[in-house]
Amino acid sequence: MKRKFCSTKNGFVVLVSVLVAGAAAAAITVSLLLSGSIFLKSGISLDRSVKAKSLVNACAEEALMQIRDNAEYEGTGNLNLNGGTCNYTVVKGAEENRSLNVEGSVDEVIRRIKIQINAIYPKINVTYWQEVADF
């Protein structure tokens, strides 16, 4: 009686095919999980950046209110809002000119703006308000 080995070869081919398909499915699953993690981190960073931007704008408005309340104001101040902190520095220039440096941070995200004003009365005139990388 002769045995046929055909079925053994077919079984081996099926087994290898299942292993290759499983490895491909595992690779796709891992890449999807990693990309989801990257998107989540990006979303968290974007949220912190938006909060830091709001914070630095609030701090700049506080500094402008200090100048409005006291035309001779020169100095520094800070605020703690919404889980972050901000600092501002007002430097008095000639006549009514003022320079403001404002920095706000939420966790590791830092946003900075530089503001120039050239008049305080009858109203504050902002000539420059720009986000900067560094002062």
C-alpha atoms as a PDB file:
ATOM      1  CA  MET A   1       0.000   0.000   0.000  1.00  0.00           C
ATOM      2  CA  LYS A   2       1.366   3.336  -1.077  1.00  0.00           C
ATOM      3  CA  ARG A   3       0.824   6.488   0.888  1.00  0.00           C
ATOM      4  CA  LYS A   4       0.243   9.835  -0.693  1.00  0.00           C
ATOM      5  CA  PHE A   5       2.214  12.768   0.674  1.00  0.00           C
ATOM      6  CA  CYS A   6       0.200  15.332  -1.235  1.00  0.00           C
ATOM      7  CA  SER A   7      -1.987  16.156   1.728  1.00  0.00           C
ATOM      8  CA  THR A   8       1.084  16.816   3.890  1.00  0.00           C
ATOM      9  CA  LYS A   9       2.438  19.346   1.390  1.00  0.00           C
ATOM     10  CA  ASN A  10      -0.958  21.042   1.144  1.00  0.00           C
ATOM     11  CA  GLY A  11      -1.160  21.267   4.930  1.00  0.00           C
ATOM     12  CA  PHE A  12       2.299  22.842   5.078  1.00  0.00           C
ATOM     13  CA  VAL A  13       1.322  25.464   2.482  1.00  0.00           C
ATOM     14  CA  VAL A  14      -1.863  26.284   4.405  1.00  0.00           C
ATOM     15  CA  LEU A  15       0.069  26.563   7.682  1.00  0.00           C
ATOM     16  CA  VAL A  16       2.668  28.919   6.179  1.00  0.00           C
ATOM     17  CA  SER A  17      -0.098  31.009   4.560  1.00  0.00           C
ATOM     18  CA  VAL A  18      -1.899  31.343   7.897  1.00  0.00           C
ATOM     19  CA  LEU A  19       1.348  32.382   9.616  1.00  0.00           C
ATOM     20  CA  VAL A  20       2.130  35.003   6.952  1.00  0.00           C
ATOM     21  CA  ALA A  21      -1.429  36.373   7.070  1.00  0.00           C
ATOM     22  CA  GLY A  22      -1.285  36.498  10.895  1.00  0.00           C
ATOM     23  CA  ALA A  23       2.042  38.337  10.837  1.00  0.00           C
ATOM     24  CA  ALA A  24       0.658  40.864   8.350  1.00  0.00           C
ATOM     25  CA  ALA A  25      -2.461  41.393  10.489  1.00  0.00           C
ATOM     26  CA  ALA A  26      -0.308  41.832  13.603  1.00  0.00           C
ATOM     27  CA  ALA A  27       1.894  44.398  11.813  1.00  0.00           C
ATOM     28  CA  ILE A  28      -1.160  46.363  10.664  1.00  0.00           C
ATOM     29  CA  THR A  29      -2.633  46.294  14.187  1.00  0.00           C
ATOM     30  CA  VAL A  30       0.593  47.512  15.773  1.00  0.00           C
ATOM     31  CA  SER A  31       0.959  50.336  13.242  1.00  0.00           C
ATOM     32  CA  LEU A  32      -2.638  51.442  13.862  1.00  0.00           C
ATOM     33  CA  LEU A  33      -2.079  51.451  17.619  1.00  0.00           C
ATOM     34  CA  LEU A  34       1.113  53.476  17.289  1.00  0.00           C
ATOM     35  CA  SER A  35      -0.444  56.021  14.941  1.00  0.00           C
ATOM     36  CA  GLY A  36      -3.379  56.387  17.337  1.00  0.00           C
ATOM     37  CA  SER A  37      -0.956  57.083  20.150  1.00  0.00           C
ATOM     38  CA  ILE A  38       0.829  59.724  18.052  1.00  0.00           C
ATOM     39  CA  PHE A  39      -2.479  61.415  17.184  1.00  0.00           C
ATOM     40  CA  LEU A  40      -3.435  61.433  20.869  1.00  0.00           C
ATOM     41  CA  LYS A  41      -0.138  63.086  21.832  1.00  0.00           C
ATOM     42  CA  SER A  42      -0.584  65.643  19.050  1.00  0.00           C
ATOM     43  CA  GLY A  43      -4.066  66.467  20.318  1.00  0.00           C
ATOM     44  CA  ILE A  44      -2.800  66.943  23.858  1.00  0.00           C
ATOM     45  CA  SER A  45       0.031  69.211  22.641  1.00  0.00           C
ATOM     46  CA  LEU A  46      -2.398  71.244  20.547  1.00  0.00           C
ATOM     47  CA  ASP A  47      -4.710  71.675  23.537  1.00  0.00           C
ATOM     48  CA  ARG A  48      -1.805  72.869  25.699  1.00  0.00           C
ATOM     49  CA  SER A  49      -0.662  75.247  22.976  1.00  0.00           C
ATOM     50  CA  VAL A  50      -4.122  76.805  22.692  1.00  0.00           C
ATOM     51  CA  LYS A  51      -4.308  77.206  26.478  1.00  0.00           C
ATOM     52  CA  ALA A  52      -0.840  78.806  26.554  1.00  0.00           C
ATOM     53  CA  LYS A  53      -1.859  81.219  23.774  1.00  0.00           C
ATOM     54  CA  SER A  54      -5.000  82.224  25.691  1.00  0.00           C
ATOM     55  CA  LEU A  55      -2.962  82.622  28.841  1.00  0.00           C
ATOM     56  CA  VAL A  56      -0.316  84.818  27.206  1.00  0.00           C
ATOM     57  CA  ASN A  57      -3.047  87.026  25.700  1.00  0.00           C
ATOM     58  CA  ALA A  58      -4.746  87.376  29.097  1.00  0.00           C
ATOM     59  CA  CYS A  59      -1.422  88.294  30.664  1.00  0.00           C
ATOM     60  CA  ALA A  60      -0.788  90.909  27.955  1.00  0.00           C
ATOM     61  CA  GLU A  61      -4.206  92.425  28.612  1.00  0.00           C
ATOM     62  CA  GLU A  62      -3.375  92.543  32.330  1.00  0.00           C
ATOM     63  CA  ALA A  63      -0.134  94.391  31.568  1.00  0.00           C
ATOM     64  CA  LEU A  64      -2.015  96.874  29.367  1.00  0.00           C
ATOM     65  CA  MET A  65      -4.517  97.443  32.187  1.00  0.00           C
ATOM     66  CA  GLN A  66      -1.626  98.181  34.548  1.00  0.00           C
ATOM     67  CA  ILE A  67      -0.362 100.812  32.086  1.00  0.00           C
ATOM     68  CA  ARG A  68      -3.847 102.249  31.635  1.00  0.00           C
ATOM     69  CA  ASP A  69      -4.335 102.524  35.410  1.00  0.00           C
ATOM     70  CA  ASN A  70      -0.888 104.029  35.970  1.00  0.00           C
ATOM     71  CA  ALA A  71       0.792 105.741  33.015  1.00  0.00           C
ATOM     72  CA  GLU A  72       4.150 105.573  34.829  1.00  0.00           C
ATOM     73  CA  TYR A  73       3.932 101.793  35.321  1.00  0.00           C
ATOM     74  CA  GLU A  74       7.126  99.896  34.654  1.00  0.00           C
ATOM     75  CA  GLY A  75       7.915  96.482  36.024  1.00  0.00           C
ATOM     76  CA  THR A  76       6.890  92.850  36.046  1.00  0.00           C
ATOM     77  CA  GLY A  77       3.880  90.805  37.001  1.00  0.00           C
ATOM     78  CA  ASN A  78       2.446  87.330  36.664  1.00  0.00           C
ATOM     79  CA  LEU A  79      -0.809  85.394  36.553  1.00  0.00           C
ATOM     80  CA  ASN A  80      -1.768  81.823  37.309  1.00  0.00           C
ATOM     81  CA  LEU A  81      -4.771  80.762  35.259  1.00  0.00           C
ATOM     82  CA  ASN A  82      -6.197  77.596  33.760  1.00  0.00           C
ATOM     83  CA  GLY A  83      -3.379  75.343  34.978  1.00  0.00           C
ATOM     84  CA  GLY A  84      -0.625  77.567  33.591  1.00  0.00           C
ATOM     85  CA  THR A  85       1.451  80.591  34.453  1.00  0.00           C
ATOM     86  CA  CYS A  86       2.426  83.741  32.629  1.00  0.00           C
ATOM     87  CA  ASN A  87       4.848  86.574  33.252  1.00  0.00           C
ATOM     88  CA  TYR A  88       5.016  90.041  31.762  1.00  0.00           C
ATOM     89  CA  THR A  89       7.601  92.794  31.768  1.00  0.00           C
ATOM     90  CA  VAL A  90       6.798  96.408  30.916  1.00  0.00           C
ATOM     91  CA  VAL A  91       9.753  98.578  29.902  1.00  0.00           C
ATOM     92  CA  LYS A  92       9.200 102.322  29.755  1.00  0.00           C
ATOM     93  CA  GLY A  93      10.653 104.123  26.755  1.00  0.00           C
ATOM     94  CA  ALA A  94      10.703 107.753  25.683  1.00  0.00           C
ATOM     95  CA  GLU A  95       7.496 109.713  26.273  1.00  0.00           C
ATOM     96  CA  GLU A  96       4.536 107.295  26.144  1.00  0.00           C
ATOM     97  CA  ASN A  97       6.399 104.459  24.407  1.00  0.00           C
ATOM     98  CA  ARG A  98       6.317 101.121  26.166  1.00  0.00           C
ATOM     99  CA  SER A  99       7.635  97.680  25.327  1.00  0.00           C
ATOM    100  CA  LEU A 100       5.960  94.568  26.750  1.00  0.00           C
ATOM    101  CA  ASN A 101       7.393  91.063  26.797  1.00  0.00           C
ATOM    102  CA  VAL A 102       4.871  88.416  27.773  1.00  0.00           C
ATOM    103  CA  GLU A 103       5.405  84.674  28.247  1.00  0.00           C
ATOM    104  CA  GLY A 104       2.779  82.060  29.031  1.00  0.00           C
ATOM    105  CA  SER A 105       3.335  78.363  29.680  1.00  0.00           C
ATOM    106  CA  VAL A 106       1.135  75.329  30.174  1.00  0.00           C
ATOM    107  CA  ASP A 107       3.160  72.250  31.112  1.00  0.00           C
ATOM    108  CA  GLU A 108       6.070  72.213  28.635  1.00  0.00           C
ATOM    109  CA  VAL A 109       4.397  74.421  26.003  1.00  0.00           C
ATOM    110  CA  ILE A 110       5.580  78.064  26.010  1.00  0.00           C
ATOM    111  CA  ARG A 111       4.139  80.934  23.968  1.00  0.00           C
ATOM    112  CA  ARG A 112       5.633  84.443  23.861  1.00  0.00           C
ATOM    113  CA  ILE A 113       4.428  87.774  22.507  1.00  0.00           C
ATOM    114  CA  LYS A 114       6.098  91.139  22.149  1.00  0.00           C
ATOM    115  CA  ILE A 115       4.015  94.316  22.210  1.00  0.00           C
ATOM    116  CA  GLN A 116       4.951  97.917  21.444  1.00  0.00           C
ATOM    117  CA  ILE A 117       2.758 100.885  22.305  1.00  0.00           C
ATOM    118  CA  ASN A 118       3.404 104.516  21.409  1.00  0.00           C
ATOM    119  CA  ALA A 119       0.564 106.330  23.163  1.00  0.00           C
ATOM    120  CA  ILE A 120      -1.361 105.965  26.398  1.00  0.00           C
ATOM    121  CA  TYR A 121      -3.700 108.982  26.261  1.00  0.00           C
ATOM    122  CA  PRO A 122      -6.478 109.363  25.262  1.00  0.00           C
ATOM    123  CA  LYS A 123      -6.296 105.620  24.631  1.00  0.00           C
ATOM    124  CA  ILE A 124      -3.541 103.029  24.415  1.00  0.00           C
ATOM    125  CA  ASN A 125      -2.247 102.731  20.874  1.00  0.00           C
ATOM    126  CA  VAL A 126      -0.686  99.331  20.128  1.00  0.00           C
ATOM    127  CA  THR A 127       1.717  99.536  17.201  1.00  0.00           C
ATOM    128  CA  TYR A 128       3.055  95.986  17.372  1.00  0.00           C
ATOM    129  CA  TRP A 129       1.617  92.757  18.786  1.00  0.00           C
ATOM    130  CA  GLN A 130       3.442  89.694  17.533  1.00  0.00           C
ATOM    131  CA  GLU A 131       4.113  86.178  18.705  1.00  0.00           C
ATOM    132  CA  VAL A 132       7.869  85.596  18.870  1.00  0.00           C
ATOM    133  CA  ALA A 133      10.124  82.627  19.432  1.00  0.00           C
ATOM    134  CA  ASP A 134      12.311  84.463  21.923  1.00  0.00           C
ATOM    135  CA  PHE A 135      12.709  87.989  23.304  1.00  0.00           C
END
